[in-house]
Amino acid sequence: MTMTGTGKATAVPDEVSFTVAVAVTRGDLSAALDEGSATMRSVLTSLEEHDVTKADMQTTGCR
């Protein structure tokens, strides 16, 4: 018995990867951390508004 055939499959991508960084320079470390944290919260909120859940996000913290 011999079988031959062809096929085609298509799908919508369900994954995206990107890097976001926030850099703030201030004379006071606490002020810089507060401003940087507020900016990153705004970014994460925007992602959630576009149906990206917290479970789908990975963060690495301060460096």
N, C-alpha and C. Protein backbone atom coordinates (compact mmCIF):
# COMPACT_ATOMS: atom_id res chain seq x y z
N MET A 1 0.84 -1.15 0.00
CA MET A 1 0.00 0.00 0.00
C MET A 1 0.90 1.23 0.00
N THR A 2 0.57 2.20 -0.79
CA THR A 2 1.30 3.47 -0.85
C THR A 2 0.29 4.61 -0.73
N MET A 3 0.65 5.56 0.16
CA MET A 3 -0.20 6.75 0.31
C MET A 3 0.66 7.99 0.11
N THR A 4 0.16 8.97 -0.55
CA THR A 4 0.83 10.26 -0.69
C THR A 4 -0.22 11.34 -0.47
N GLY A 5 0.24 12.49 -0.07
CA GLY A 5 -0.69 13.58 0.14
C GLY A 5 0.04 14.87 0.45
N THR A 6 -0.69 15.94 0.47
CA THR A 6 -0.16 17.24 0.85
C THR A 6 -1.16 17.89 1.80
N GLY A 7 -0.66 18.82 2.58
CA GLY A 7 -1.54 19.52 3.51
C GLY A 7 -1.04 20.92 3.78
N LYS A 8 -1.89 21.71 4.35
CA LYS A 8 -1.53 23.07 4.70
C LYS A 8 -2.28 23.44 5.98
N ALA A 9 -1.57 24.05 6.90
CA ALA A 9 -2.19 24.50 8.15
C ALA A 9 -1.79 25.95 8.40
N THR A 10 -2.72 26.72 8.89
CA THR A 10 -2.43 28.11 9.25
C THR A 10 -2.99 28.38 10.64
N ALA A 11 -2.36 29.32 11.33
CA ALA A 11 -2.82 29.69 12.66
C ALA A 11 -2.38 31.12 12.97
N VAL A 12 -3.13 31.75 13.83
CA VAL A 12 -2.78 33.09 14.28
C VAL A 12 -1.71 32.95 15.36
N PRO A 13 -0.60 33.71 15.28
CA PRO A 13 0.42 33.63 16.32
C PRO A 13 -0.17 33.98 17.69
N ASP A 14 0.26 33.25 18.73
CA ASP A 14 -0.28 33.51 20.06
C ASP A 14 0.81 33.89 21.06
N GLU A 15 1.96 34.31 20.53
CA GLU A 15 3.05 34.67 21.42
C GLU A 15 3.84 35.83 20.83
N VAL A 16 4.25 36.74 21.72
CA VAL A 16 5.10 37.85 21.33
C VAL A 16 6.13 38.05 22.45
N SER A 17 7.30 38.47 22.06
CA SER A 17 8.35 38.70 23.06
C SER A 17 8.99 40.06 22.78
N PHE A 18 9.13 40.84 23.82
CA PHE A 18 9.80 42.13 23.68
C PHE A 18 10.36 42.55 25.02
N THR A 19 11.22 43.53 25.00
CA THR A 19 11.87 44.04 26.20
C THR A 19 11.49 45.50 26.40
N VAL A 20 11.16 45.85 27.63
CA VAL A 20 10.86 47.23 27.99
C VAL A 20 11.78 47.61 29.14
N ALA A 21 12.39 48.76 29.03
CA ALA A 21 13.25 49.24 30.11
C ALA A 21 12.88 50.68 30.44
N VAL A 22 12.96 51.02 31.72
CA VAL A 22 12.72 52.38 32.18
C VAL A 22 13.99 52.85 32.87
N ALA A 23 14.51 53.98 32.46
CA ALA A 23 15.70 54.56 33.09
C ALA A 23 15.36 55.97 33.57
N VAL A 24 15.65 56.24 34.84
CA VAL A 24 15.38 57.56 35.42
C VAL A 24 16.62 58.00 36.18
N THR A 25 17.04 59.23 35.94
CA THR A 25 18.19 59.79 36.66
C THR A 25 17.71 60.98 37.48
N ARG A 26 17.88 60.88 38.77
CA ARG A 26 17.52 61.96 39.68
C ARG A 26 18.62 62.09 40.73
N GLY A 27 18.70 63.22 41.39
CA GLY A 27 19.69 63.43 42.43
C GLY A 27 19.39 62.62 43.69
N ASP A 28 18.14 62.18 43.83
CA ASP A 28 17.70 61.43 45.00
C ASP A 28 17.25 60.04 44.56
N LEU A 29 17.85 58.99 45.14
CA LEU A 29 17.54 57.62 44.74
C LEU A 29 16.06 57.29 44.93
N SER A 30 15.49 57.70 46.04
CA SER A 30 14.09 57.41 46.32
C SER A 30 13.18 58.02 45.26
N ALA A 31 13.46 59.24 44.85
CA ALA A 31 12.67 59.91 43.82
C ALA A 31 12.80 59.18 42.49
N ALA A 32 14.00 58.74 42.16
CA ALA A 32 14.22 58.01 40.90
C ALA A 32 13.47 56.68 40.91
N LEU A 33 13.53 55.95 42.01
CA LEU A 33 12.80 54.68 42.11
C LEU A 33 11.30 54.89 42.03
N ASP A 34 10.79 55.92 42.71
CA ASP A 34 9.35 56.20 42.67
C ASP A 34 8.89 56.52 41.25
N GLU A 35 9.65 57.37 40.56
CA GLU A 35 9.27 57.75 39.20
C GLU A 35 9.38 56.57 38.23
N GLY A 36 10.45 55.81 38.36
CA GLY A 36 10.62 54.64 37.49
C GLY A 36 9.54 53.61 37.72
N SER A 37 9.18 53.38 38.98
CA SER A 37 8.12 52.44 39.32
C SER A 37 6.78 52.89 38.76
N ALA A 38 6.49 54.17 38.88
CA ALA A 38 5.23 54.71 38.35
C ALA A 38 5.16 54.54 36.84
N THR A 39 6.26 54.79 36.17
CA THR A 39 6.30 54.64 34.71
C THR A 39 6.08 53.19 34.32
N MET A 40 6.74 52.25 35.00
CA MET A 40 6.58 50.84 34.66
C MET A 40 5.17 50.36 34.98
N ARG A 41 4.57 50.84 36.06
CA ARG A 41 3.18 50.48 36.36
C ARG A 41 2.26 50.93 35.22
N SER A 42 2.53 52.10 34.67
CA SER A 42 1.74 52.61 33.55
C SER A 42 1.89 51.70 32.32
N VAL A 43 3.10 51.25 32.06
CA VAL A 43 3.35 50.33 30.93
C VAL A 43 2.58 49.03 31.14
N LEU A 44 2.68 48.45 32.34
CA LEU A 44 2.01 47.17 32.63
C LEU A 44 0.49 47.32 32.57
N THR A 45 -0.03 48.44 33.03
CA THR A 45 -1.46 48.69 32.95
C THR A 45 -1.91 48.77 31.50
N SER A 46 -1.12 49.43 30.66
CA SER A 46 -1.45 49.52 29.24
C SER A 46 -1.48 48.13 28.59
N LEU A 47 -0.52 47.28 28.96
CA LEU A 47 -0.51 45.92 28.42
C LEU A 47 -1.78 45.17 28.83
N GLU A 48 -2.17 45.31 30.10
CA GLU A 48 -3.38 44.65 30.57
C GLU A 48 -4.62 45.15 29.84
N GLU A 49 -4.64 46.42 29.49
CA GLU A 49 -5.76 46.99 28.73
C GLU A 49 -5.84 46.41 27.32
N HIS A 50 -4.74 45.80 26.87
CA HIS A 50 -4.70 45.15 25.55
C HIS A 50 -4.72 43.63 25.70
N ASP A 51 -5.34 43.16 26.78
CA ASP A 51 -5.59 41.73 27.03
C ASP A 51 -4.34 40.90 27.27
N VAL A 52 -3.26 41.53 27.72
CA VAL A 52 -2.08 40.78 28.16
C VAL A 52 -2.21 40.62 29.67
N THR A 53 -2.36 39.39 30.14
CA THR A 53 -2.59 39.17 31.57
C THR A 53 -1.27 39.14 32.34
N LYS A 54 -1.35 39.37 33.64
CA LYS A 54 -0.14 39.32 34.47
C LYS A 54 0.52 37.96 34.40
N ALA A 55 -0.28 36.90 34.25
CA ALA A 55 0.28 35.55 34.13
C ALA A 55 1.12 35.40 32.87
N ASP A 56 0.87 36.24 31.87
CA ASP A 56 1.63 36.17 30.61
C ASP A 56 2.88 37.05 30.63
N MET A 57 3.09 37.80 31.71
CA MET A 57 4.23 38.72 31.79
C MET A 57 5.32 38.15 32.69
N GLN A 58 6.54 38.52 32.37
CA GLN A 58 7.68 38.14 33.21
C GLN A 58 8.54 39.38 33.39
N THR A 59 8.88 39.69 34.63
CA THR A 59 9.72 40.84 34.92
C THR A 59 11.01 40.40 35.60
N THR A 60 12.04 41.23 35.50
CA THR A 60 13.33 40.87 36.11
C THR A 60 13.71 41.80 37.25
N GLY A 61 12.99 42.90 37.47
CA GLY A 61 13.27 43.79 38.59
C GLY A 61 14.30 44.85 38.28
N CYS A 62 14.79 45.48 39.34
CA CYS A 62 15.76 46.58 39.21
C CYS A 62 17.17 46.04 38.97
N ARG A 63 17.90 46.81 38.19
CA ARG A 63 19.32 46.49 37.98
C ARG A 63 20.14 47.72 38.22
